[in-house]
Amino acid sequence: METLDFRTKTEFKSVKHASCRTYWPVAIDIGYSAVKTYSPNACSCFPSYAKKLGLRETIVDPR
């Protein structure tokens, strides 16, 4: 059994969910292994993971 077969795959799908004309609801589910989004016209899923950059000066403005 290969563990790569079970990894979270990146998916973007166009869909037609029911919604009101005056509202555009968006749902975001940030989970342990993936981020999932839902809206009236799309569903998406992509892997989430933390990666240490080790470059603090690129994150914090030196000024």
PDB file of N, CA and C in Angstrom:
ATOM      1  N   MET A   1       0.845  -1.170   0.000  1.00  0.00           N
ATOM      2  CA  MET A   1       0.000   0.000   0.000  1.00  0.00           C
ATOM      3  C   MET A   1       0.898   1.243   0.000  1.00  0.00           C
ATOM      4  N   GLU A   2       0.655   2.148  -0.916  1.00  0.00           N
ATOM      5  CA  GLU A   2       1.428   3.380  -1.016  1.00  0.00           C
ATOM      6  C   GLU A   2       0.707   4.513  -0.282  1.00  0.00           C
ATOM      7  N   THR A   3       1.397   5.193   0.619  1.00  0.00           N
ATOM      8  CA  THR A   3       0.769   6.303   1.341  1.00  0.00           C
ATOM      9  C   THR A   3       0.488   7.483   0.418  1.00  0.00           C
ATOM     10  N   LEU A   4       1.228   7.620  -0.665  1.00  0.00           N
ATOM     11  CA  LEU A   4       0.982   8.714  -1.611  1.00  0.00           C
ATOM     12  C   LEU A   4      -0.394   8.612  -2.260  1.00  0.00           C
ATOM     13  N   ASP A   5      -0.956   7.415  -2.306  1.00  0.00           N
ATOM     14  CA  ASP A   5      -2.296   7.242  -2.873  1.00  0.00           C
ATOM     15  C   ASP A   5      -3.370   7.918  -2.018  1.00  0.00           C
ATOM     16  N   PHE A   6      -3.058   8.186  -0.745  1.00  0.00           N
ATOM     17  CA  PHE A   6      -4.037   8.754   0.179  1.00  0.00           C
ATOM     18  C   PHE A   6      -3.782  10.224   0.497  1.00  0.00           C
ATOM     19  N   ARG A   7      -2.788  10.830  -0.120  1.00  0.00           N
ATOM     20  CA  ARG A   7      -2.483  12.234   0.173  1.00  0.00           C
ATOM     21  C   ARG A   7      -3.599  13.146  -0.339  1.00  0.00           C
ATOM     22  N   THR A   8      -3.690  14.325   0.230  1.00  0.00           N
ATOM     23  CA  THR A   8      -4.685  15.300  -0.209  1.00  0.00           C
ATOM     24  C   THR A   8      -4.276  15.850  -1.564  1.00  0.00           C
ATOM     25  N   LYS A   9      -5.165  15.751  -2.502  1.00  0.00           N
ATOM     26  CA  LYS A   9      -4.884  16.237  -3.849  1.00  0.00           C
ATOM     27  C   LYS A   9      -5.486  17.628  -4.020  1.00  0.00           C
ATOM     28  N   THR A  10      -4.883  18.434  -4.867  1.00  0.00           N
ATOM     29  CA  THR A  10      -5.410  19.759  -5.161  1.00  0.00           C
ATOM     30  C   THR A  10      -6.534  19.633  -6.171  1.00  0.00           C
ATOM     31  N   GLU A  11      -7.689  20.185  -5.822  1.00  0.00           N
ATOM     32  CA  GLU A  11      -8.856  20.124  -6.708  1.00  0.00           C
ATOM     33  C   GLU A  11      -9.563  21.468  -6.721  1.00  0.00           C
ATOM     34  N   PHE A  12      -9.974  21.906  -7.898  1.00  0.00           N
ATOM     35  CA  PHE A  12     -10.827  23.081  -8.065  1.00  0.00           C
ATOM     36  C   PHE A  12     -11.948  22.675  -8.998  1.00  0.00           C
ATOM     37  N   LYS A  13     -13.186  22.760  -8.515  1.00  0.00           N
ATOM     38  CA  LYS A  13     -14.330  22.324  -9.315  1.00  0.00           C
ATOM     39  C   LYS A  13     -15.355  23.444  -9.425  1.00  0.00           C
ATOM     40  N   SER A  14     -15.865  23.645 -10.620  1.00  0.00           N
ATOM     41  CA  SER A  14     -16.982  24.567 -10.819  1.00  0.00           C
ATOM     42  C   SER A  14     -18.272  23.833 -10.513  1.00  0.00           C
ATOM     43  N   VAL A  15     -19.132  24.454  -9.722  1.00  0.00           N
ATOM     44  CA  VAL A  15     -20.410  23.851  -9.334  1.00  0.00           C
ATOM     45  C   VAL A  15     -21.491  24.930  -9.335  1.00  0.00           C
ATOM     46  N   LYS A  16     -22.731  24.498  -9.205  1.00  0.00           N
ATOM     47  CA  LYS A  16     -23.845  25.437  -9.071  1.00  0.00           C
ATOM     48  C   LYS A  16     -24.609  25.093  -7.806  1.00  0.00           C
ATOM     49  N   HIS A  17     -24.273  25.774  -6.714  1.00  0.00           N
ATOM     50  CA  HIS A  17     -24.996  25.618  -5.457  1.00  0.00           C
ATOM     51  C   HIS A  17     -26.090  26.673  -5.391  1.00  0.00           C
ATOM     52  N   ALA A  18     -27.129  26.380  -4.656  1.00  0.00           N
ATOM     53  CA  ALA A  18     -28.211  27.354  -4.468  1.00  0.00           C
ATOM     54  C   ALA A  18     -27.705  28.515  -3.617  1.00  0.00           C
ATOM     55  N   SER A  19     -28.098  29.728  -3.976  1.00  0.00           N
ATOM     56  CA  SER A  19     -27.723  30.901  -3.186  1.00  0.00           C
ATOM     57  C   SER A  19     -28.688  32.044  -3.466  1.00  0.00           C
ATOM     58  N   CYS A  20     -28.647  33.044  -2.613  1.00  0.00           N
ATOM     59  CA  CYS A  20     -29.468  34.250  -2.795  1.00  0.00           C
ATOM     60  C   CYS A  20     -28.737  35.232  -3.705  1.00  0.00           C
ATOM     61  N   ARG A  21     -29.472  36.087  -4.341  1.00  0.00           N
ATOM     62  CA  ARG A  21     -28.847  37.095  -5.204  1.00  0.00           C
ATOM     63  C   ARG A  21     -28.088  38.149  -4.409  1.00  0.00           C
ATOM     64  N   THR A  22     -28.557  38.435  -3.218  1.00  0.00           N
ATOM     65  CA  THR A  22     -27.961  39.522  -2.438  1.00  0.00           C
ATOM     66  C   THR A  22     -26.818  39.078  -1.526  1.00  0.00           C
ATOM     67  N   TYR A  23     -26.556  37.784  -1.433  1.00  0.00           N
ATOM     68  CA  TYR A  23     -25.491  37.276  -0.580  1.00  0.00           C
ATOM     69  C   TYR A  23     -24.591  36.336  -1.368  1.00  0.00           C
ATOM     70  N   TRP A  24     -23.313  36.343  -1.038  1.00  0.00           N
ATOM     71  CA  TRP A  24     -22.347  35.439  -1.658  1.00  0.00           C
ATOM     72  C   TRP A  24     -21.606  34.717  -0.531  1.00  0.00           C
ATOM     73  N   PRO A  25     -22.209  33.652   0.010  1.00  0.00           N
ATOM     74  CA  PRO A  25     -21.571  32.966   1.139  1.00  0.00           C
ATOM     75  C   PRO A  25     -20.320  32.204   0.707  1.00  0.00           C
ATOM     76  N   VAL A  26     -19.336  32.231   1.565  1.00  0.00           N
ATOM     77  CA  VAL A  26     -18.100  31.486   1.335  1.00  0.00           C
ATOM     78  C   VAL A  26     -17.774  30.748   2.627  1.00  0.00           C
ATOM     79  N   ALA A  27     -17.471  29.473   2.516  1.00  0.00           N
ATOM     80  CA  ALA A  27     -17.082  28.673   3.680  1.00  0.00           C
ATOM     81  C   ALA A  27     -15.642  28.223   3.504  1.00  0.00           C
ATOM     82  N   ILE A  28     -14.863  28.341   4.556  1.00  0.00           N
ATOM     83  CA  ILE A  28     -13.467  27.908   4.537  1.00  0.00           C
ATOM     84  C   ILE A  28     -13.260  26.967   5.714  1.00  0.00           C
ATOM     85  N   ASP A  29     -12.782  25.768   5.429  1.00  0.00           N
ATOM     86  CA  ASP A  29     -12.506  24.770   6.459  1.00  0.00           C
ATOM     87  C   ASP A  29     -11.006  24.515   6.454  1.00  0.00           C
ATOM     88  N   ILE A  30     -10.324  25.009   7.477  1.00  0.00           N
ATOM     89  CA  ILE A  30      -8.879  24.808   7.574  1.00  0.00           C
ATOM     90  C   ILE A  30      -8.654  23.630   8.502  1.00  0.00           C
ATOM     91  N   GLY A  31      -8.299  22.511   7.921  1.00  0.00           N
ATOM     92  CA  GLY A  31      -8.104  21.291   8.686  1.00  0.00           C
ATOM     93  C   GLY A  31      -6.641  20.927   8.829  1.00  0.00           C
ATOM     94  N   TYR A  32      -6.395  19.790   9.456  1.00  0.00           N
ATOM     95  CA  TYR A  32      -5.031  19.335   9.710  1.00  0.00           C
ATOM     96  C   TYR A  32      -4.273  19.049   8.415  1.00  0.00           C
ATOM     97  N   SER A  33      -4.925  18.414   7.458  1.00  0.00           N
ATOM     98  CA  SER A  33      -4.210  18.011   6.244  1.00  0.00           C
ATOM     99  C   SER A  33      -4.632  18.765   4.996  1.00  0.00           C
ATOM    100  N   ALA A  34      -5.734  19.531   5.069  1.00  0.00           N
ATOM    101  CA  ALA A  34      -6.200  20.215   3.860  1.00  0.00           C
ATOM    102  C   ALA A  34      -7.010  21.460   4.202  1.00  0.00           C
ATOM    103  N   VAL A  35      -7.066  22.357   3.240  1.00  0.00           N
ATOM    104  CA  VAL A  35      -7.950  23.521   3.301  1.00  0.00           C
ATOM    105  C   VAL A  35      -9.033  23.290   2.263  1.00  0.00           C
ATOM    106  N   LYS A  36     -10.296  23.422   2.699  1.00  0.00           N
ATOM    107  CA  LYS A  36     -11.419  23.222   1.784  1.00  0.00           C
ATOM    108  C   LYS A  36     -12.227  24.508   1.728  1.00  0.00           C
ATOM    109  N   THR A  37     -12.666  24.883   0.520  1.00  0.00           N
ATOM    110  CA  THR A  37     -13.481  26.082   0.357  1.00  0.00           C
ATOM    111  C   THR A  37     -14.744  25.728  -0.415  1.00  0.00           C
ATOM    112  N   TYR A  38     -15.818  26.430  -0.082  1.00  0.00           N
ATOM    113  CA  TYR A  38     -17.105  26.228  -0.750  1.00  0.00           C
ATOM    114  C   TYR A  38     -17.724  27.593  -1.018  1.00  0.00           C
ATOM    115  N   SER A  39     -18.283  27.768  -2.193  1.00  0.00           N
ATOM    116  CA  SER A  39     -19.001  28.992  -2.546  1.00  0.00           C
ATOM    117  C   SER A  39     -20.097  28.613  -3.533  1.00  0.00           C
ATOM    118  N   PRO A  40     -20.963  29.551  -3.904  1.00  0.00           N
ATOM    119  CA  PRO A  40     -22.045  29.209  -4.828  1.00  0.00           C
ATOM    120  C   PRO A  40     -21.575  28.679  -6.187  1.00  0.00           C
ATOM    121  N   ASN A  41     -20.364  29.020  -6.597  1.00  0.00           N
ATOM    122  CA  ASN A  41     -19.927  28.577  -7.920  1.00  0.00           C
ATOM    123  C   ASN A  41     -18.678  27.702  -7.922  1.00  0.00           C
ATOM    124  N   ALA A  42     -18.140  27.354  -6.746  1.00  0.00           N
ATOM    125  CA  ALA A  42     -16.909  26.565  -6.749  1.00  0.00           C
ATOM    126  C   ALA A  42     -16.715  25.802  -5.444  1.00  0.00           C
ATOM    127  N   CYS A  43     -15.974  24.702  -5.564  1.00  0.00           N
ATOM    128  CA  CYS A  43     -15.479  23.937  -4.423  1.00  0.00           C
ATOM    129  C   CYS A  43     -14.002  23.701  -4.680  1.00  0.00           C
ATOM    130  N   SER A  44     -13.196  23.791  -3.641  1.00  0.00           N
ATOM    131  CA  SER A  44     -11.775  23.531  -3.832  1.00  0.00           C
ATOM    132  C   SER A  44     -11.200  22.860  -2.598  1.00  0.00           C
ATOM    133  N   CYS A  45     -10.088  22.208  -2.813  1.00  0.00           N
ATOM    134  CA  CYS A  45      -9.387  21.512  -1.745  1.00  0.00           C
ATOM    135  C   CYS A  45      -7.907  21.517  -2.104  1.00  0.00           C
ATOM    136  N   PHE A  46      -7.061  21.847  -1.139  1.00  0.00           N
ATOM    137  CA  PHE A  46      -5.627  21.792  -1.389  1.00  0.00           C
ATOM    138  C   PHE A  46      -4.912  21.459  -0.083  1.00  0.00           C
ATOM    139  N   PRO A  47      -3.744  20.823  -0.178  1.00  0.00           N
ATOM    140  CA  PRO A  47      -3.026  20.398   1.025  1.00  0.00           C
ATOM    141  C   PRO A  47      -2.610  21.591   1.879  1.00  0.00           C
ATOM    142  N   SER A  48      -2.576  21.397   3.183  1.00  0.00           N
ATOM    143  CA  SER A  48      -2.047  22.416   4.085  1.00  0.00           C
ATOM    144  C   SER A  48      -0.951  21.778   4.925  1.00  0.00           C
ATOM    145  N   TYR A  49       0.145  22.473   5.020  1.00  0.00           N
ATOM    146  CA  TYR A  49       1.241  21.996   5.852  1.00  0.00           C
ATOM    147  C   TYR A  49       2.115  23.179   6.223  1.00  0.00           C
ATOM    148  N   ALA A  50       2.838  23.036   7.303  1.00  0.00           N
ATOM    149  CA  ALA A  50       3.748  24.084   7.758  1.00  0.00           C
ATOM    150  C   ALA A  50       5.158  23.734   7.320  1.00  0.00           C
ATOM    151  N   LYS A  51       5.879  24.733   6.880  1.00  0.00           N
ATOM    152  CA  LYS A  51       7.256  24.525   6.450  1.00  0.00           C
ATOM    153  C   LYS A  51       8.108  25.643   7.028  1.00  0.00           C
ATOM    154  N   LYS A  52       9.151  25.291   7.736  1.00  0.00           N
ATOM    155  CA  LYS A  52      10.024  26.285   8.332  1.00  0.00           C
ATOM    156  C   LYS A  52      10.859  26.932   7.232  1.00  0.00           C
ATOM    157  N   LEU A  53      10.807  28.254   7.160  1.00  0.00           N
ATOM    158  CA  LEU A  53      11.558  28.967   6.135  1.00  0.00           C
ATOM    159  C   LEU A  53      12.996  29.218   6.550  1.00  0.00           C
ATOM    160  N   GLY A  54      13.208  29.562   7.804  1.00  0.00           N
ATOM    161  CA  GLY A  54      14.558  29.830   8.264  1.00  0.00           C
ATOM    162  C   GLY A  54      15.095  31.173   7.793  1.00  0.00           C
ATOM    163  N   LEU A  55      14.266  32.005   7.204  1.00  0.00           N
ATOM    164  CA  LEU A  55      14.685  33.309   6.700  1.00  0.00           C
ATOM    165  C   LEU A  55      13.848  34.391   7.372  1.00  0.00           C
ATOM    166  N   ARG A  56      14.118  34.649   8.618  1.00  0.00           N
ATOM    167  CA  ARG A  56      13.313  35.594   9.385  1.00  0.00           C
ATOM    168  C   ARG A  56      13.287  36.982   8.752  1.00  0.00           C
ATOM    169  N   GLU A  57      14.386  37.418   8.166  1.00  0.00           N
ATOM    170  CA  GLU A  57      14.424  38.765   7.597  1.00  0.00           C
ATOM    171  C   GLU A  57      13.492  38.932   6.397  1.00  0.00           C
ATOM    172  N   THR A  58      13.067  37.848   5.770  1.00  0.00           N
ATOM    173  CA  THR A  58      12.118  37.985   4.667  1.00  0.00           C
ATOM    174  C   THR A  58      10.688  38.112   5.177  1.00  0.00           C
ATOM    175  N   ILE A  59      10.461  37.755   6.429  1.00  0.00           N
ATOM    176  CA  ILE A  59       9.121  37.829   7.002  1.00  0.00           C
ATOM    177  C   ILE A  59       8.923  39.143   7.765  1.00  0.00           C
ATOM    178  N   VAL A  60       9.955  39.584   8.474  1.00  0.00           N
ATOM    179  CA  VAL A  60       9.877  40.795   9.283  1.00  0.00           C
ATOM    180  C   VAL A  60      10.587  41.928   8.547  1.00  0.00           C
ATOM    181  N   ASP A  61       9.930  43.058   8.422  1.00  0.00           N
ATOM    182  CA  ASP A  61      10.515  44.229   7.770  1.00  0.00           C
ATOM    183  C   ASP A  61      11.679  44.743   8.621  1.00  0.00           C
ATOM    184  N   PRO A  62      12.895  44.861   8.058  1.00  0.00           N
ATOM    185  CA  PRO A  62      14.066  45.257   8.852  1.00  0.00           C
ATOM    186  C   PRO A  62      14.046  46.721   9.288  1.00  0.00           C
ATOM    187  N   ARG A  63      13.149  47.540   8.754  1.00  0.00           N
ATOM    188  CA  ARG A  63      13.125  48.967   9.127  1.00  0.00           C
ATOM    189  C   ARG A  63      12.645  49.112  10.495  1.00  0.00           C
TER     190      ARG A  63
END
